[in-house]
Amino acid sequence: MDYELNKILFDARQSKDKATLIRDFLLKVLQEDIDGKEKFNDEILEEAVELLEEVGSGAFYWMADIAVQMTVLAQCALRDVPTNVEAEVGNDASAEEIIKLVVRV
């Protein structure tokens, strides 16, 4: 029973660590965009490769899912439909605050 509990705790910690890596990568891409850095530069592409190697194909799917969530949020904003994001961070939320809310770790 101790083995099973330890495995559950280990798996949960590993999932949290992977989610944190993904969130941090998204925040870095956002910051590079804000800073006007060249998109798809060698450094960020190398980090993307390392991230995929470390966390696996689930990272690609999760990032795609996050993009879908962001698109739905944008659609709601265009139609003046309130969302839980607006309720939790307010109308003046930064992109960073929205990412941190949508990508909860």
Protein backbone atom coordinates (compact mmCIF):
# COMPACT_ATOMS: atom_id res chain seq x y z
CA MET A 1 0.00 0.00 0.00
CA ASP A 2 2.90 2.38 0.76
CA TYR A 3 4.31 1.70 -2.72
CA GLU A 4 0.98 2.58 -4.37
CA LEU A 5 0.63 5.78 -2.35
CA ASN A 6 4.21 6.80 -3.13
CA LYS A 7 3.61 6.12 -6.83
CA ILE A 8 0.46 8.26 -6.81
CA LEU A 9 2.30 11.08 -5.05
CA PHE A 10 5.29 10.77 -7.41
CA ASP A 11 3.06 10.82 -10.50
CA ALA A 12 1.16 13.85 -9.20
CA ARG A 13 4.42 15.70 -8.53
CA GLN A 14 5.75 14.77 -11.96
CA SER A 15 2.56 16.06 -13.62
CA LYS A 16 2.82 19.32 -11.68
CA ASP A 17 6.46 19.73 -12.69
CA LYS A 18 5.60 19.16 -16.36
CA ALA A 19 2.70 21.61 -16.19
CA THR A 20 5.00 24.20 -14.65
CA LEU A 21 7.54 23.75 -17.45
CA ILE A 22 4.81 24.22 -20.06
CA ARG A 23 3.38 27.30 -18.35
CA ASP A 24 6.84 28.82 -17.99
CA PHE A 25 7.55 28.22 -21.67
CA LEU A 26 4.29 29.92 -22.66
CA LEU A 27 5.18 32.88 -20.44
CA LYS A 28 8.62 33.08 -22.05
CA VAL A 29 7.11 33.12 -25.54
CA LEU A 30 4.74 35.88 -24.39
CA GLN A 31 7.64 37.90 -22.98
CA GLU A 32 9.62 37.48 -26.18
CA ASP A 33 6.61 38.76 -28.12
CA ILE A 34 6.31 41.76 -25.78
CA ASP A 35 10.04 42.42 -26.16
CA GLY A 36 9.78 42.28 -29.95
CA LYS A 37 12.16 39.36 -30.32
CA GLU A 38 12.25 37.49 -33.60
CA LYS A 39 9.62 34.77 -33.68
CA PHE A 40 10.86 31.20 -34.07
CA ASN A 41 14.40 32.22 -33.15
CA ASP A 42 16.96 29.45 -32.67
CA GLU A 43 17.03 29.81 -28.88
CA ILE A 44 13.28 29.42 -28.35
CA LEU A 45 13.08 26.58 -30.87
CA GLU A 46 15.84 24.76 -29.00
CA GLU A 47 13.92 25.24 -25.77
CA ALA A 48 10.80 23.87 -27.47
CA VAL A 49 12.70 20.76 -28.55
CA GLU A 50 14.05 20.26 -25.04
CA LEU A 51 10.56 20.73 -23.57
CA LEU A 52 9.05 18.14 -25.91
CA GLU A 53 11.84 15.70 -25.13
CA GLU A 54 11.38 16.21 -21.41
CA VAL A 55 7.60 16.17 -21.12
CA GLY A 56 6.62 14.20 -24.21
CA SER A 57 3.93 14.54 -26.81
CA GLY A 58 1.35 15.36 -24.15
CA ALA A 59 2.95 18.81 -23.97
CA PHE A 60 2.13 19.47 -27.62
CA TYR A 61 -1.48 18.41 -27.09
CA TRP A 62 -1.80 20.46 -23.91
CA MET A 63 -0.40 23.57 -25.58
CA ALA A 64 -2.85 23.09 -28.44
CA ASP A 65 -5.66 22.77 -25.90
CA ILE A 66 -4.50 25.99 -24.22
CA ALA A 67 -4.58 27.72 -27.63
CA VAL A 68 -8.15 26.51 -28.10
CA GLN A 69 -9.13 27.83 -24.66
CA MET A 70 -7.56 31.21 -25.47
CA THR A 71 -9.46 31.32 -28.77
CA VAL A 72 -12.73 30.61 -26.98
CA LEU A 73 -11.90 33.39 -24.49
CA ALA A 74 -11.23 35.79 -27.37
CA GLN A 75 -14.50 34.77 -29.00
CA CYS A 76 -16.37 35.44 -25.76
CA ALA A 77 -14.68 38.82 -25.43
CA LEU A 78 -15.71 39.76 -28.98
CA ARG A 79 -19.31 38.85 -28.18
CA ASP A 80 -19.30 40.49 -24.74
CA VAL A 81 -19.96 37.12 -23.09
CA PRO A 82 -18.61 37.03 -19.52
CA THR A 83 -16.23 34.21 -18.59
CA ASN A 84 -14.73 32.81 -15.42
CA VAL A 85 -11.42 34.41 -16.42
CA GLU A 86 -13.00 37.85 -16.40
CA ALA A 87 -14.66 37.08 -13.08
CA GLU A 88 -11.38 35.92 -11.50
CA VAL A 89 -8.85 38.42 -12.86
CA GLY A 90 -11.03 41.34 -13.97
CA ASN A 91 -11.32 43.32 -17.17
CA ASP A 92 -7.82 44.80 -16.99
CA ALA A 93 -5.92 41.52 -16.68
CA SER A 94 -2.57 41.22 -18.39
CA ALA A 95 -1.81 38.44 -20.84
CA GLU A 96 0.51 36.97 -18.20
CA GLU A 97 -2.28 36.89 -15.60
CA ILE A 98 -4.59 35.19 -18.08
CA ILE A 99 -1.99 32.52 -18.92
CA LYS A 100 -1.40 31.88 -15.23
CA LEU A 101 -5.14 31.47 -14.69
CA VAL A 102 -5.77 29.26 -17.70
CA VAL A 103 -2.65 27.16 -17.07
CA ARG A 104 -3.10 26.42 -13.42
CA VAL A 105 -0.43 24.32 -11.80
